[in-house]
Amino acid sequence: MKKASQFYTSRLAPGLLKAAVFGANDGIITTFAVVAGVAGAGLAPRIVLIMGVANLFADGISMGVGDYLGERSEADLLKREGRKYLRHSIWLTGLITFIAFVIAGSLPLLPYLIALLGITFVAADQLLISCLATALALFLVGSLRTIITGGQWWRKGLETLIIGAIAATAAYFVGRMLEKLIT
């Protein structure tokens, strides 16, 4: 009987796992960086939402296009050198990157999006819930990788969570520092 990782690996097109993990992690971290930076600067929650959603789609498109161009460049180079390269739909990695970025990257914005439904939060509560959603999303992305790659799910989850937490903390303190410098 095949392990789950062998089952998925044998059916996974080259580059798709990398694109999904890269897109999801970058979506979570960069969107939360916007949330943390804006919150750290003490700006209104509606600014968090405006900046977060704008970043989500602009950066998601940028990531998808960047992934596509990178894959295409690599395939062109290998072809030019006469080396074999795995043929797959190069555009598909860009699409996967974009989709993973937008889906995972929207999780830090959940409390701000929910507020649009009329559920009121205190700004500090929105940031706290966003922190928790971000931490959970990072841990899940890290853990879910082990379905395909193997390894200890909790260790991969913690690894991704810690790396993301470092980036988020930096964004928050940069926002606070800039707010103090500007005012």
C-alpha atoms as a PDB file:
ATOM      1  CA  MET A   1       0.000   0.000   0.000  1.00  0.00           C
ATOM      2  CA  LYS A   2       1.345   3.414  -1.014  1.00  0.00           C
ATOM      3  CA  LYS A   3       1.862   6.151   1.533  1.00  0.00           C
ATOM      4  CA  ALA A   4      -0.130   9.337   1.000  1.00  0.00           C
ATOM      5  CA  SER A   5       3.066  11.202   0.072  1.00  0.00           C
ATOM      6  CA  GLN A   6       3.855   8.647  -2.680  1.00  0.00           C
ATOM      7  CA  PHE A   7       0.286   8.841  -3.992  1.00  0.00           C
ATOM      8  CA  TYR A   8       0.317  12.635  -4.314  1.00  0.00           C
ATOM      9  CA  THR A   9       3.899  12.907  -5.541  1.00  0.00           C
ATOM     10  CA  SER A  10       3.297  10.519  -8.421  1.00  0.00           C
ATOM     11  CA  ARG A  11       0.316  12.601  -9.574  1.00  0.00           C
ATOM     12  CA  LEU A  12       1.677  16.080  -8.899  1.00  0.00           C
ATOM     13  CA  ALA A  13       2.913  18.097 -11.880  1.00  0.00           C
ATOM     14  CA  PRO A  14       6.417  19.506 -11.439  1.00  0.00           C
ATOM     15  CA  GLY A  15       6.526  22.804  -9.611  1.00  0.00           C
ATOM     16  CA  LEU A  16       2.919  22.785  -8.394  1.00  0.00           C
ATOM     17  CA  LEU A  17       3.691  21.966  -4.770  1.00  0.00           C
ATOM     18  CA  LYS A  18       6.371  24.651  -4.698  1.00  0.00           C
ATOM     19  CA  ALA A  19       3.972  27.154  -6.296  1.00  0.00           C
ATOM     20  CA  ALA A  20       1.190  26.352  -3.811  1.00  0.00           C
ATOM     21  CA  VAL A  21       3.408  26.523  -0.725  1.00  0.00           C
ATOM     22  CA  PHE A  22       5.232  29.633  -1.951  1.00  0.00           C
ATOM     23  CA  GLY A  23       2.006  31.417  -2.877  1.00  0.00           C
ATOM     24  CA  ALA A  24       0.202  30.493   0.351  1.00  0.00           C
ATOM     25  CA  ASN A  25       3.087  31.487   2.622  1.00  0.00           C
ATOM     26  CA  ASP A  26       3.744  34.734   0.826  1.00  0.00           C
ATOM     27  CA  GLY A  27       0.047  35.566   0.770  1.00  0.00           C
ATOM     28  CA  ILE A  28      -0.331  35.025   4.494  1.00  0.00           C
ATOM     29  CA  ILE A  29       2.859  36.835   5.460  1.00  0.00           C
ATOM     30  CA  THR A  30       2.603  39.843   3.164  1.00  0.00           C
ATOM     31  CA  THR A  31      -1.087  40.403   3.850  1.00  0.00           C
ATOM     32  CA  PHE A  32      -0.539  40.163   7.582  1.00  0.00           C
ATOM     33  CA  ALA A  33       2.470  42.467   7.217  1.00  0.00           C
ATOM     34  CA  VAL A  34       0.088  45.078   5.799  1.00  0.00           C
ATOM     35  CA  VAL A  35      -2.405  44.438   8.632  1.00  0.00           C
ATOM     36  CA  ALA A  36       0.319  44.619  11.293  1.00  0.00           C
ATOM     37  CA  GLY A  37       2.031  47.638   9.773  1.00  0.00           C
ATOM     38  CA  VAL A  38      -1.190  49.638   9.448  1.00  0.00           C
ATOM     39  CA  ALA A  39      -2.356  48.581  12.928  1.00  0.00           C
ATOM     40  CA  GLY A  40       1.084  49.353  14.363  1.00  0.00           C
ATOM     41  CA  ALA A  41       0.808  52.842  12.903  1.00  0.00           C
ATOM     42  CA  GLY A  42      -2.546  53.254  14.695  1.00  0.00           C
ATOM     43  CA  LEU A  43      -4.546  53.804  11.513  1.00  0.00           C
ATOM     44  CA  ALA A  44      -8.261  53.060  11.220  1.00  0.00           C
ATOM     45  CA  PRO A  45      -9.426  49.475  10.627  1.00  0.00           C
ATOM     46  CA  ARG A  46     -10.976  50.514   7.286  1.00  0.00           C
ATOM     47  CA  ILE A  47      -7.461  51.475   6.127  1.00  0.00           C
ATOM     48  CA  VAL A  48      -6.300  47.960   7.037  1.00  0.00           C
ATOM     49  CA  LEU A  49      -9.037  46.525   4.847  1.00  0.00           C
ATOM     50  CA  ILE A  50      -8.393  48.866   1.907  1.00  0.00           C
ATOM     51  CA  MET A  51      -4.629  48.336   1.988  1.00  0.00           C
ATOM     52  CA  GLY A  52      -4.957  44.608   2.678  1.00  0.00           C
ATOM     53  CA  VAL A  53      -7.333  43.846  -0.181  1.00  0.00           C
ATOM     54  CA  ALA A  54      -5.386  46.057  -2.596  1.00  0.00           C
ATOM     55  CA  ASN A  55      -2.182  44.253  -1.596  1.00  0.00           C
ATOM     56  CA  LEU A  56      -3.862  40.859  -1.804  1.00  0.00           C
ATOM     57  CA  PHE A  57      -4.739  41.209  -5.472  1.00  0.00           C
ATOM     58  CA  ALA A  58      -1.835  43.346  -6.672  1.00  0.00           C
ATOM     59  CA  ASP A  59       0.789  41.181  -4.990  1.00  0.00           C
ATOM     60  CA  GLY A  60      -1.064  37.977  -5.902  1.00  0.00           C
ATOM     61  CA  ILE A  61      -1.015  38.931  -9.576  1.00  0.00           C
ATOM     62  CA  SER A  62       2.623  39.949  -9.301  1.00  0.00           C
ATOM     63  CA  MET A  63       3.525  36.626  -7.669  1.00  0.00           C
ATOM     64  CA  GLY A  64       1.619  34.605 -10.278  1.00  0.00           C
ATOM     65  CA  VAL A  65       3.176  36.484 -13.191  1.00  0.00           C
ATOM     66  CA  GLY A  66       6.614  36.258 -11.567  1.00  0.00           C
ATOM     67  CA  ASP A  67       6.237  32.508 -11.117  1.00  0.00           C
ATOM     68  CA  TYR A  68       5.143  32.084 -14.742  1.00  0.00           C
ATOM     69  CA  LEU A  69       8.044  34.175 -16.079  1.00  0.00           C
ATOM     70  CA  GLY A  70      10.533  32.340 -13.863  1.00  0.00           C
ATOM     71  CA  GLU A  71       9.300  28.913 -15.007  1.00  0.00           C
ATOM     72  CA  ARG A  72       9.301  30.020 -18.636  1.00  0.00           C
ATOM     73  CA  SER A  73      12.827  31.439 -18.358  1.00  0.00           C
ATOM     74  CA  GLU A  74      14.101  28.215 -16.834  1.00  0.00           C
ATOM     75  CA  ALA A  75      12.462  26.114 -19.564  1.00  0.00           C
ATOM     76  CA  ASP A  76      13.880  28.420 -22.280  1.00  0.00           C
ATOM     77  CA  LEU A  77      17.379  28.179 -20.807  1.00  0.00           C
ATOM     78  CA  LEU A  78      17.293  24.388 -20.587  1.00  0.00           C
ATOM     79  CA  LYS A  79      15.930  24.182 -24.130  1.00  0.00           C
ATOM     80  CA  ARG A  80      18.646  26.548 -25.411  1.00  0.00           C
ATOM     81  CA  GLU A  81      21.344  24.420 -23.745  1.00  0.00           C
ATOM     82  CA  GLY A  82      19.877  21.278 -25.297  1.00  0.00           C
ATOM     83  CA  ARG A  83      19.082  19.842 -21.894  1.00  0.00           C
ATOM     84  CA  LYS A  84      15.931  17.988 -21.098  1.00  0.00           C
ATOM     85  CA  TYR A  85      13.282  19.733 -19.111  1.00  0.00           C
ATOM     86  CA  LEU A  86      10.039  18.421 -17.776  1.00  0.00           C
ATOM     87  CA  ARG A  87       7.212  19.578 -19.952  1.00  0.00           C
ATOM     88  CA  HIS A  88       4.263  20.859 -18.024  1.00  0.00           C
ATOM     89  CA  SER A  89       1.911  23.746 -18.315  1.00  0.00           C
ATOM     90  CA  ILE A  90       4.189  26.575 -17.278  1.00  0.00           C
ATOM     91  CA  TRP A  91       1.242  28.947 -16.845  1.00  0.00           C
ATOM     92  CA  LEU A  92      -0.285  26.506 -14.335  1.00  0.00           C
ATOM     93  CA  THR A  93       2.382  27.213 -11.684  1.00  0.00           C
ATOM     94  CA  GLY A  94       1.638  30.928 -11.977  1.00  0.00           C
ATOM     95  CA  LEU A  95      -2.085  30.296 -11.600  1.00  0.00           C
ATOM     96  CA  ILE A  96      -1.535  28.020  -8.585  1.00  0.00           C
ATOM     97  CA  THR A  97       0.715  30.662  -6.999  1.00  0.00           C
ATOM     98  CA  PHE A  98      -1.954  33.340  -7.515  1.00  0.00           C
ATOM     99  CA  ILE A  99      -4.827  31.187  -6.195  1.00  0.00           C
ATOM    100  CA  ALA A 100      -2.865  30.014  -3.136  1.00  0.00           C
ATOM    101  CA  PHE A 101      -1.762  33.599  -2.463  1.00  0.00           C
ATOM    102  CA  VAL A 102      -5.294  35.026  -2.563  1.00  0.00           C
ATOM    103  CA  ILE A 103      -6.985  32.234  -0.609  1.00  0.00           C
ATOM    104  CA  ALA A 104      -4.393  31.940   2.157  1.00  0.00           C
ATOM    105  CA  GLY A 105      -3.657  35.674   2.128  1.00  0.00           C
ATOM    106  CA  SER A 106      -7.278  36.567   2.814  1.00  0.00           C
ATOM    107  CA  LEU A 107      -7.216  34.833   6.211  1.00  0.00           C
ATOM    108  CA  PRO A 108      -5.449  37.707   8.039  1.00  0.00           C
ATOM    109  CA  LEU A 109      -8.181  40.030   6.722  1.00  0.00           C
ATOM    110  CA  LEU A 110     -11.097  37.933   8.072  1.00  0.00           C
ATOM    111  CA  PRO A 111     -11.942  40.091  11.115  1.00  0.00           C
ATOM    112  CA  TYR A 112     -11.877  43.202   8.948  1.00  0.00           C
ATOM    113  CA  LEU A 113     -14.068  41.565   6.291  1.00  0.00           C
ATOM    114  CA  ILE A 114     -16.491  40.261   8.935  1.00  0.00           C
ATOM    115  CA  ALA A 115     -16.868  43.823  10.220  1.00  0.00           C
ATOM    116  CA  LEU A 116     -18.436  44.675   6.842  1.00  0.00           C
ATOM    117  CA  LEU A 117     -21.327  42.380   7.811  1.00  0.00           C
ATOM    118  CA  GLY A 118     -22.142  44.670  10.715  1.00  0.00           C
ATOM    119  CA  ILE A 119     -20.375  42.689  13.417  1.00  0.00           C
ATOM    120  CA  THR A 120     -18.483  45.280  15.386  1.00  0.00           C
ATOM    121  CA  PHE A 121     -15.058  44.772  16.859  1.00  0.00           C
ATOM    122  CA  VAL A 122     -12.711  46.913  18.834  1.00  0.00           C
ATOM    123  CA  ALA A 123      -9.650  47.594  16.649  1.00  0.00           C
ATOM    124  CA  ALA A 124      -7.399  45.735  19.108  1.00  0.00           C
ATOM    125  CA  ASP A 125      -9.697  42.703  18.901  1.00  0.00           C
ATOM    126  CA  GLN A 126      -9.510  42.762  15.109  1.00  0.00           C
ATOM    127  CA  LEU A 127      -5.722  42.735  15.268  1.00  0.00           C
ATOM    128  CA  LEU A 128      -5.728  39.918  17.836  1.00  0.00           C
ATOM    129  CA  ILE A 129      -8.126  37.795  15.761  1.00  0.00           C
ATOM    130  CA  SER A 130      -6.052  38.541  12.667  1.00  0.00           C
ATOM    131  CA  CYS A 131      -2.924  37.392  14.558  1.00  0.00           C
ATOM    132  CA  LEU A 132      -4.637  34.148  15.536  1.00  0.00           C
ATOM    133  CA  ALA A 133      -5.981  33.536  12.011  1.00  0.00           C
ATOM    134  CA  THR A 134      -2.523  34.212  10.594  1.00  0.00           C
ATOM    135  CA  ALA A 135      -0.810  31.895  13.072  1.00  0.00           C
ATOM    136  CA  LEU A 136      -3.308  29.123  12.376  1.00  0.00           C
ATOM    137  CA  ALA A 137      -2.983  29.582   8.609  1.00  0.00           C
ATOM    138  CA  LEU A 138       0.823  29.475   8.748  1.00  0.00           C
ATOM    139  CA  PHE A 139       0.784  26.376  10.932  1.00  0.00           C
ATOM    140  CA  LEU A 140      -1.712  24.643   8.610  1.00  0.00           C
ATOM    141  CA  VAL A 141       0.247  25.427   5.448  1.00  0.00           C
ATOM    142  CA  GLY A 142       3.404  24.084   7.060  1.00  0.00           C
ATOM    143  CA  SER A 143       1.646  20.996   8.387  1.00  0.00           C
ATOM    144  CA  LEU A 144      -0.213  20.189   5.188  1.00  0.00           C
ATOM    145  CA  ARG A 145       3.049  20.024   3.250  1.00  0.00           C
ATOM    146  CA  THR A 146       3.812  16.761   5.039  1.00  0.00           C
ATOM    147  CA  ILE A 147       0.928  15.029   3.245  1.00  0.00           C
ATOM    148  CA  ILE A 148       3.090  15.147   0.144  1.00  0.00           C
ATOM    149  CA  THR A 149       6.624  15.534   1.461  1.00  0.00           C
ATOM    150  CA  GLY A 150       6.450  13.415   4.597  1.00  0.00           C
ATOM    151  CA  GLY A 151       8.000  14.416   7.890  1.00  0.00           C
ATOM    152  CA  GLN A 152       6.579  15.434  11.219  1.00  0.00           C
ATOM    153  CA  TRP A 153       3.499  17.606  10.641  1.00  0.00           C
ATOM    154  CA  TRP A 154       3.868  19.550  13.865  1.00  0.00           C
ATOM    155  CA  ARG A 155       7.544  20.347  13.182  1.00  0.00           C
ATOM    156  CA  LYS A 156       6.850  21.634   9.656  1.00  0.00           C
ATOM    157  CA  GLY A 157       3.889  23.589  11.020  1.00  0.00           C
ATOM    158  CA  LEU A 158       5.994  25.228  13.729  1.00  0.00           C
ATOM    159  CA  GLU A 159       8.794  25.987  11.276  1.00  0.00           C
ATOM    160  CA  THR A 160       6.414  27.878   8.982  1.00  0.00           C
ATOM    161  CA  LEU A 161       4.717  29.593  11.927  1.00  0.00           C
ATOM    162  CA  ILE A 162       8.003  30.821  13.428  1.00  0.00           C
ATOM    163  CA  ILE A 163       9.321  32.184  10.125  1.00  0.00           C
ATOM    164  CA  GLY A 164       6.017  33.977   9.490  1.00  0.00           C
ATOM    165  CA  ALA A 165       5.896  35.340  13.042  1.00  0.00           C
ATOM    166  CA  ILE A 166       9.319  36.918  12.634  1.00  0.00           C
ATOM    167  CA  ALA A 167       8.206  38.715   9.463  1.00  0.00           C
ATOM    168  CA  ALA A 168       4.903  39.823  11.025  1.00  0.00           C
ATOM    169  CA  THR A 169       6.588  41.143  14.164  1.00  0.00           C
ATOM    170  CA  ALA A 170       9.041  43.137  12.074  1.00  0.00           C
ATOM    171  CA  ALA A 171       6.185  44.690  10.052  1.00  0.00           C
ATOM    172  CA  TYR A 172       4.283  45.666  13.196  1.00  0.00           C
ATOM    173  CA  PHE A 173       7.285  47.390  14.777  1.00  0.00           C
ATOM    174  CA  VAL A 174       8.230  49.144  11.543  1.00  0.00           C
ATOM    175  CA  GLY A 175       4.676  50.520  11.413  1.00  0.00           C
ATOM    176  CA  ARG A 176       4.893  51.707  15.023  1.00  0.00           C
ATOM    177  CA  MET A 177       8.300  53.258  14.468  1.00  0.00           C
ATOM    178  CA  LEU A 178       7.186  55.090  11.317  1.00  0.00           C
ATOM    179  CA  GLU A 179       4.062  56.365  13.056  1.00  0.00           C
ATOM    180  CA  LYS A 180       6.252  57.844  15.819  1.00  0.00           C
ATOM    181  CA  LEU A 181       8.708  59.354  13.338  1.00  0.00           C
ATOM    182  CA  ILE A 182       5.992  60.934  11.222  1.00  0.00           C
ATOM    183  CA  THR A 183       3.921  62.399  14.091  1.00  0.00           C
END
